[in-house]
Amino acid sequence: MFDTRRSASPLASAFRMAELVYHSTVREVRKGHRNALAGLLIAMAQSIIFVMAFYLMFALVGIRGSPIHGDYMLYLMSGVFLYMFHVRTVQAVFRAEGPASNMMLHAPLNPWIAMTAAALGALYLQLLSLVTLLFLYHVAWSPITIDDPVGAMGMVLIAWFSGFGVGVVFYALRPWAPDAVQLVTNIWTRMNMVFSGKMFVANVLPGFVMVYFTWNPLFHLIDQARGFIFLNYAPRFTSWHYALWVSVGIFVVGLMAENFTRKHASRSWSAGR
């Protein structure tokens, strides 16, 4: 009849939170496909389709070589993979369980755990897809040499974090105007097809064109990643520090917006169900 609540230590609370995030992440990964292998194959197929589409497009317009002295397919994959990390994370976080959804009735689940689980699930699938495709390409087609693997992986993780931050902003706005925010999310995804700069390198862009791309953190990350991947390319007009701090700012704004939305969300809102 009476329940005595015991105050948990900070360490116990952290372990409990980590356990909830882990189980929620597993649920997110298995939500689309109960078979983990099927989910991995679909993620790999999407990346392969993107790479081949850009390869064929460049071949049709007569561009058959990389602007950087190095592996042409690795040049294409470096842009596609960072784009996929960013975009898939934005979409996953945007579709996470809302503050007024039925899942939020199961304490101690909360929107923060749902968003984190969605982002980690996207990171897991994309990382597994990245490692698998690079291994298959290295073994079956051509040996891969990455000049600075640690730096390149750092750019991948910042691209994922930037997608997390943008996704949190869209997630916080979704209950207020679900259709409009869905449209904005789609526009953001389509815009980054061009403005992420995955089809070219910053060093060869004229100044009057550069101004249309330098606002985008993903443009900086892809260009910097190619600087870490290729020995013969040194980015001069981009900075990963800019991308990191912009991503942190977007993430903080998203958290404040989500906190405001959570306090005002109602189960009568169809968008949160």
Protein backbone atom coordinates (compact mmCIF):
# COMPACT_ATOMS: atom_id res chain seq x y z
CA MET A 1 0.00 0.00 0.00
CA PHE A 2 2.77 2.40 0.91
CA ASP A 3 5.89 2.73 -1.20
CA THR A 4 9.08 4.08 0.27
CA ARG A 5 11.23 5.83 -2.28
CA ARG A 6 14.95 5.49 -1.87
CA SER A 7 17.20 8.20 -3.22
CA ALA A 8 19.76 6.67 -5.56
CA SER A 9 23.37 7.79 -5.67
CA PRO A 10 24.55 9.76 -8.72
CA LEU A 11 26.52 6.73 -9.91
CA ALA A 12 23.50 4.42 -9.61
CA SER A 13 21.34 6.95 -11.44
CA ALA A 14 23.93 7.17 -14.23
CA PHE A 15 24.01 3.38 -14.60
CA ARG A 16 20.22 3.24 -14.64
CA MET A 17 20.08 5.96 -17.30
CA ALA A 18 22.71 4.15 -19.39
CA GLU A 19 20.71 0.92 -19.12
CA LEU A 20 17.54 2.66 -20.29
CA VAL A 21 19.38 4.25 -23.21
CA TYR A 22 20.86 0.87 -24.16
CA HIS A 23 17.52 -0.95 -24.19
CA SER A 24 15.84 1.93 -26.01
CA THR A 25 18.64 1.91 -28.62
CA VAL A 26 18.18 -1.82 -29.19
CA ARG A 27 14.46 -1.23 -29.62
CA GLU A 28 15.12 1.55 -32.14
CA VAL A 29 17.49 -0.62 -34.16
CA ARG A 30 15.06 -3.55 -34.21
CA LYS A 31 11.92 -1.44 -34.66
CA GLY A 32 12.22 -1.24 -38.43
CA HIS A 33 13.52 -4.79 -38.93
CA ARG A 34 13.46 -7.57 -36.39
CA ASN A 35 16.32 -9.17 -38.26
CA ALA A 36 19.47 -7.16 -37.50
CA LEU A 37 21.12 -8.42 -40.68
CA ALA A 38 18.25 -7.07 -42.80
CA GLY A 39 18.63 -3.63 -41.25
CA LEU A 40 22.38 -3.65 -41.95
CA LEU A 41 21.87 -4.77 -45.55
CA ILE A 42 19.35 -2.00 -46.17
CA ALA A 43 21.70 0.63 -44.71
CA MET A 44 24.52 -0.72 -46.89
CA ALA A 45 22.28 -0.76 -49.97
CA GLN A 46 21.33 2.88 -49.44
CA SER A 47 24.98 3.92 -49.20
CA ILE A 48 25.92 1.86 -52.28
CA ILE A 49 23.07 3.39 -54.29
CA PHE A 50 24.20 6.92 -53.36
CA VAL A 51 27.83 6.20 -54.28
CA MET A 52 26.92 4.57 -57.60
CA ALA A 53 24.46 7.35 -58.45
CA PHE A 54 27.18 10.00 -58.03
CA TYR A 55 29.68 7.84 -59.90
CA LEU A 56 27.33 7.50 -62.88
CA MET A 57 26.40 11.19 -62.75
CA PHE A 58 30.06 12.24 -62.82
CA ALA A 59 30.77 9.76 -65.60
CA LEU A 60 27.93 11.16 -67.72
CA VAL A 61 29.18 14.73 -67.39
CA GLY A 62 32.72 13.65 -68.19
CA ILE A 63 34.26 13.80 -64.71
CA ARG A 64 36.06 10.48 -64.32
CA GLY A 65 38.75 11.38 -61.87
CA SER A 66 39.00 12.78 -58.36
CA PRO A 67 40.07 16.42 -57.90
CA ILE A 68 42.34 14.98 -55.20
CA HIS A 69 45.22 12.70 -56.12
CA GLY A 70 43.97 9.42 -54.68
CA ASP A 71 41.31 6.73 -54.91
CA TYR A 72 38.28 8.08 -56.79
CA MET A 73 35.77 5.78 -55.08
CA LEU A 74 37.18 6.69 -51.66
CA TYR A 75 36.69 10.35 -52.60
CA LEU A 76 33.02 9.67 -53.41
CA MET A 77 32.46 7.55 -50.31
CA SER A 78 33.99 10.18 -48.03
CA GLY A 79 31.28 12.64 -49.04
CA VAL A 80 28.40 10.19 -49.16
CA PHE A 81 29.10 8.58 -45.79
CA LEU A 82 29.31 11.85 -43.85
CA TYR A 83 26.14 13.02 -45.58
CA MET A 84 24.40 9.77 -44.63
CA PHE A 85 25.54 10.00 -41.01
CA HIS A 86 24.12 13.51 -40.72
CA VAL A 87 20.86 13.01 -42.60
CA ARG A 88 19.96 9.59 -41.14
CA THR A 89 20.52 10.92 -37.62
CA VAL A 90 18.31 13.96 -38.28
CA GLN A 91 15.53 11.71 -39.56
CA ALA A 92 15.88 9.20 -36.72
CA VAL A 93 15.76 11.82 -33.96
CA PHE A 94 12.88 13.64 -35.64
CA ARG A 95 10.84 10.40 -35.68
CA ALA A 96 11.60 9.50 -32.04
CA GLU A 97 8.76 9.01 -29.56
CA GLY A 98 7.19 12.37 -28.71
CA PRO A 99 6.59 13.81 -25.23
CA ALA A 100 2.87 12.93 -25.41
CA SER A 101 3.26 9.47 -26.95
CA ASN A 102 2.06 6.30 -25.27
CA MET A 103 5.63 5.15 -24.61
CA MET A 104 6.21 8.14 -22.34
CA LEU A 105 3.63 6.67 -19.92
CA HIS A 106 6.20 4.02 -18.96
CA ALA A 107 8.35 5.66 -16.31
CA PRO A 108 11.21 6.45 -16.15
CA LEU A 109 11.27 6.78 -19.95
CA ASN A 110 11.44 10.39 -21.14
CA PRO A 111 11.96 12.27 -24.43
CA TRP A 112 15.67 12.71 -23.78
CA ILE A 113 16.16 8.93 -23.64
CA ALA A 114 14.04 8.48 -26.77
CA MET A 115 16.09 11.04 -28.72
CA THR A 116 19.42 9.65 -27.54
CA ALA A 117 18.38 6.10 -28.39
CA ALA A 118 17.27 7.16 -31.88
CA ALA A 119 20.58 8.96 -32.49
CA LEU A 120 22.66 6.04 -31.18
CA GLY A 121 20.65 3.58 -33.26
CA ALA A 122 21.38 5.60 -36.40
CA LEU A 123 25.07 5.82 -35.43
CA TYR A 124 25.26 2.06 -34.91
CA LEU A 125 23.71 1.18 -38.28
CA GLN A 126 25.73 3.74 -40.23
CA LEU A 127 29.02 2.82 -38.52
CA LEU A 128 28.43 -0.86 -39.19
CA SER A 129 27.58 -0.08 -42.80
CA LEU A 130 30.69 2.13 -43.16
CA VAL A 131 33.09 -0.46 -41.76
CA THR A 132 31.55 -3.31 -43.77
CA LEU A 133 31.60 -1.46 -47.09
CA LEU A 134 35.14 -0.20 -46.63
CA PHE A 135 36.30 -3.70 -45.73
CA LEU A 136 34.59 -5.24 -48.76
CA TYR A 137 36.02 -2.56 -51.06
CA HIS A 138 39.48 -2.99 -49.56
CA VAL A 139 39.43 -6.79 -49.98
CA ALA A 140 37.55 -7.20 -53.26
CA TRP A 141 38.44 -4.09 -55.28
CA SER A 142 41.37 -1.93 -54.21
CA PRO A 143 43.45 -1.57 -51.01
CA ILE A 144 42.48 1.51 -49.01
CA THR A 145 45.00 3.81 -47.36
CA ILE A 146 43.74 6.53 -45.01
CA ASP A 147 46.35 9.08 -44.00
CA ASP A 148 44.84 9.92 -40.57
CA PRO A 149 42.10 7.42 -39.59
CA VAL A 150 41.57 9.00 -36.15
CA GLY A 151 40.99 12.46 -37.59
CA ALA A 152 38.69 11.09 -40.29
CA MET A 153 36.63 9.22 -37.68
CA GLY A 154 36.46 12.41 -35.64
CA MET A 155 34.83 14.19 -38.59
CA VAL A 156 32.35 11.31 -38.91
CA LEU A 157 31.38 11.62 -35.25
CA ILE A 158 30.98 15.40 -35.47
CA ALA A 159 28.77 14.92 -38.55
CA TRP A 160 26.66 12.53 -36.49
CA PHE A 161 26.53 14.98 -33.58
CA SER A 162 25.51 17.83 -35.88
CA GLY A 163 22.68 15.65 -37.17
CA PHE A 164 21.71 14.93 -33.56
CA GLY A 165 21.49 18.65 -32.82
CA VAL A 166 19.44 19.49 -35.92
CA GLY A 167 17.19 16.50 -35.22
CA VAL A 168 16.55 17.71 -31.65
CA VAL A 169 15.43 21.11 -32.99
CA PHE A 170 13.00 19.50 -35.43
CA TYR A 171 11.86 17.07 -32.72
CA ALA A 172 11.04 19.97 -30.37
CA LEU A 173 9.07 21.79 -33.09
CA ARG A 174 7.19 18.71 -34.34
CA PRO A 175 4.26 18.74 -31.85
CA TRP A 176 3.46 22.38 -32.69
CA ALA A 177 3.27 22.00 -36.49
CA PRO A 178 3.91 18.39 -37.54
CA ASP A 179 3.24 18.78 -41.27
CA ALA A 180 5.24 21.98 -41.62
CA VAL A 181 8.20 20.61 -39.65
CA GLN A 182 8.13 17.41 -41.70
CA LEU A 183 8.36 19.56 -44.81
CA VAL A 184 11.27 21.56 -43.36
CA THR A 185 13.05 18.32 -42.46
CA ASN A 186 12.70 17.10 -46.04
CA ILE A 187 13.95 20.45 -47.35
CA TRP A 188 16.99 20.25 -45.06
CA THR A 189 17.76 16.77 -46.35
CA ARG A 190 17.45 17.83 -50.00
CA MET A 191 19.46 21.03 -49.47
CA ASN A 192 22.36 19.06 -48.08
CA MET A 193 22.45 16.99 -51.25
CA VAL A 194 24.05 20.09 -52.80
CA PHE A 195 25.22 22.39 -50.00
CA SER A 196 27.13 19.68 -48.11
CA GLY A 197 29.81 19.93 -50.80
CA LYS A 198 30.25 16.20 -51.19
CA MET A 199 30.58 16.57 -54.97
CA PHE A 200 33.60 18.91 -54.89
CA VAL A 201 36.38 20.23 -52.65
CA ALA A 202 36.54 23.69 -51.12
CA ASN A 203 40.05 24.47 -52.38
CA VAL A 204 38.91 24.63 -56.01
CA LEU A 205 35.78 26.73 -55.45
CA PRO A 206 35.88 30.40 -56.49
CA GLY A 207 35.22 32.92 -53.75
CA PHE A 208 31.82 34.06 -55.05
CA VAL A 209 30.60 30.44 -54.92
CA MET A 210 32.16 29.63 -51.55
CA VAL A 211 29.84 32.01 -49.69
CA TYR A 212 26.88 29.78 -50.53
CA PHE A 213 28.45 26.80 -48.75
CA THR A 214 30.49 28.05 -45.81
CA TRP A 215 27.41 28.45 -43.57
CA ASN A 216 26.86 24.70 -43.57
CA PRO A 217 28.80 22.74 -40.87
CA LEU A 218 28.55 19.57 -42.97
CA PHE A 219 30.41 21.30 -45.82
CA HIS A 220 33.30 22.00 -43.45
CA LEU A 221 33.28 18.45 -42.08
CA ILE A 222 33.34 16.72 -45.46
CA ASP A 223 36.17 18.94 -46.68
CA GLN A 224 38.14 18.43 -43.46
CA ALA A 225 37.53 14.67 -43.59
CA ARG A 226 39.10 14.55 -47.05
CA GLY A 227 42.08 16.38 -45.63
CA PHE A 228 42.49 13.60 -43.05
CA ILE A 229 41.85 10.82 -45.58
CA PHE A 230 44.09 11.96 -48.44
CA LEU A 231 47.77 12.73 -47.96
CA ASN A 232 47.83 15.15 -50.91
CA TYR A 233 44.93 17.38 -49.82
CA ALA A 234 45.18 20.15 -47.24
CA PRO A 235 41.91 22.08 -46.63
CA ARG A 236 42.55 25.84 -46.55
CA PHE A 237 39.06 27.35 -46.40
CA THR A 238 37.21 25.13 -43.93
CA SER A 239 37.46 24.44 -40.21
CA TRP A 240 36.15 21.55 -38.15
CA HIS A 241 36.19 23.83 -35.09
CA TYR A 242 33.49 25.96 -36.71
CA ALA A 243 31.38 22.87 -37.41
CA LEU A 244 31.80 21.59 -33.85
CA TRP A 245 30.83 24.84 -32.14
CA VAL A 246 27.88 25.46 -34.45
CA SER A 247 26.68 21.91 -33.74
CA VAL A 248 27.01 22.48 -29.99
CA GLY A 249 25.02 25.71 -30.28
CA ILE A 250 22.26 24.02 -32.32
CA PHE A 251 22.15 21.16 -29.84
CA VAL A 252 21.76 23.50 -26.85
CA VAL A 253 19.00 25.47 -28.61
CA GLY A 254 17.27 22.18 -29.42
CA LEU A 255 17.40 21.05 -25.79
CA MET A 256 15.90 24.34 -24.59
CA ALA A 257 13.15 24.12 -27.21
CA GLU A 258 12.43 20.48 -26.29
CA ASN A 259 12.19 21.39 -22.60
CA PHE A 260 9.64 24.08 -23.41
CA THR A 261 7.65 21.73 -25.64
CA ARG A 262 7.64 18.94 -23.04
CA LYS A 263 6.13 21.25 -20.43
CA HIS A 264 3.29 22.25 -22.76
CA ALA A 265 2.69 19.02 -24.67
CA SER A 266 -0.75 17.47 -24.40
CA ARG A 267 -1.93 13.94 -25.17
CA SER A 268 -4.67 15.55 -27.26
CA TRP A 269 -2.03 16.55 -29.82
CA SER A 270 -2.14 13.98 -32.57
CA ALA A 271 1.48 14.66 -33.48
CA GLY A 272 2.73 13.23 -30.21
CA ARG A 273 0.95 9.92 -30.50
